[in-house]
């Protein structure tokens, strides 16, 4: 093979529509990838903002559990008091 035949070159046999189609698809892929990147960045920001909220929720759940235990103890004392007064 000649050196000219080994090198890549654009032949006039390649239709312009194919070149335009490939260019449009490439542009679409780049646009899609940038949109995905923006969405991921937004989700990361939301996750960072939600971090302190999850800690607050854990503390609240612990406090609610302590309140439930306290209420259960009060109920037992009330029942005990009612049964002793009868």
Protein backbone atom coordinates (compact mmCIF):
# COMPACT_ATOMS: atom_id res chain seq x y z
CA UNK A 1 0.00 0.00 0.00
CA UNK A 2 1.15 3.48 -0.74
CA UNK A 3 1.78 5.93 2.04
CA UNK A 4 -1.14 8.04 0.74
CA UNK A 5 -3.54 5.12 1.09
CA UNK A 6 -2.53 4.42 4.71
CA UNK A 7 -3.31 7.94 5.89
CA UNK A 8 -6.85 8.89 6.81
CA UNK A 9 -8.57 11.34 4.57
CA UNK A 10 -12.08 12.48 3.85
CA UNK A 11 -13.38 11.29 0.55
CA UNK A 12 -16.03 13.05 -1.49
CA UNK A 13 -18.03 9.83 -1.32
CA UNK A 14 -18.98 10.62 2.30
CA UNK A 15 -22.32 12.46 2.18
CA UNK A 16 -22.59 15.82 3.90
CA UNK A 17 -25.76 14.59 5.65
CA UNK A 18 -23.71 11.93 7.46
CA UNK A 19 -21.20 14.50 8.63
CA UNK A 20 -24.00 16.81 9.86
CA UNK A 21 -25.75 13.90 11.59
CA UNK A 22 -22.60 12.91 13.45
CA UNK A 23 -21.96 16.51 14.44
CA UNK A 24 -25.54 16.94 15.73
CA UNK A 25 -25.35 13.66 17.68
CA UNK A 26 -22.04 14.70 19.21
CA UNK A 27 -23.51 18.05 20.22
CA UNK A 28 -26.53 16.29 21.71
CA UNK A 29 -24.34 13.95 23.72
CA UNK A 30 -22.33 16.89 25.07
CA UNK A 31 -25.53 18.75 25.95
CA UNK A 32 -26.99 15.66 27.68
CA UNK A 33 -23.76 15.08 29.64
CA UNK A 34 -23.67 18.68 30.85
CA UNK A 35 -27.32 18.41 31.93
CA UNK A 36 -26.56 15.21 33.86
CA UNK A 37 -23.58 16.91 35.47
CA UNK A 38 -25.77 19.84 36.56
CA UNK A 39 -28.36 17.47 38.04
CA UNK A 40 -25.72 15.54 39.97
CA UNK A 41 -24.25 18.78 41.31
CA UNK A 42 -27.71 19.90 42.45
CA UNK A 43 -28.34 16.57 44.19
CA UNK A 44 -24.98 16.80 45.93
CA UNK A 45 -25.85 20.27 47.22
CA UNK A 46 -29.21 18.98 48.49
CA UNK A 47 -27.52 16.04 50.23
CA UNK A 48 -25.08 18.37 51.99
CA UNK A 49 -27.95 20.65 53.05
CA UNK A 50 -29.96 17.67 54.35
CA UNK A 51 -27.08 16.37 56.48
CA UNK A 52 -27.77 18.52 59.56
CA UNK A 53 -31.49 17.77 59.26
CA UNK A 54 -30.90 14.05 59.57
CA UNK A 55 -28.93 14.62 62.79
CA UNK A 56 -31.80 16.72 64.12
CA UNK A 57 -34.30 14.01 63.25
CA UNK A 58 -32.23 11.42 65.11
CA UNK A 59 -32.16 13.63 68.21
CA UNK A 60 -35.91 14.20 67.99
CA UNK A 61 -36.59 10.48 67.63
CA UNK A 62 -34.48 9.83 70.74
CA UNK A 63 -36.39 12.49 72.67
CA UNK A 64 -39.74 11.08 71.52
CA UNK A 65 -38.72 7.61 72.67
CA UNK A 66 -37.79 9.03 76.09
CA UNK A 67 -41.17 10.80 76.27
CA UNK A 68 -42.97 7.54 75.39
CA UNK A 69 -41.12 5.72 78.14
CA UNK A 70 -42.04 8.50 80.58
CA UNK A 71 -45.70 8.32 79.58
CA UNK A 72 -45.66 4.54 80.02
CA UNK A 73 -44.23 4.97 83.52
CA UNK A 74 -46.89 7.58 84.37
CA UNK A 75 -49.64 5.21 83.16
CA UNK A 76 -48.28 2.44 85.37
CA UNK A 77 -48.22 4.78 88.38
CA UNK A 78 -51.77 5.99 87.68
CA UNK A 79 -53.05 2.41 87.38
CA UNK A 80 -51.23 1.42 90.56
CA UNK A 81 -52.70 4.43 92.39
CA UNK A 82 -56.23 3.68 91.16
CA UNK A 83 -55.98 0.03 92.19
CA UNK A 84 -54.71 0.99 95.69
CA UNK A 85 -57.50 3.53 96.29
CA UNK A 86 -60.28 1.06 95.50
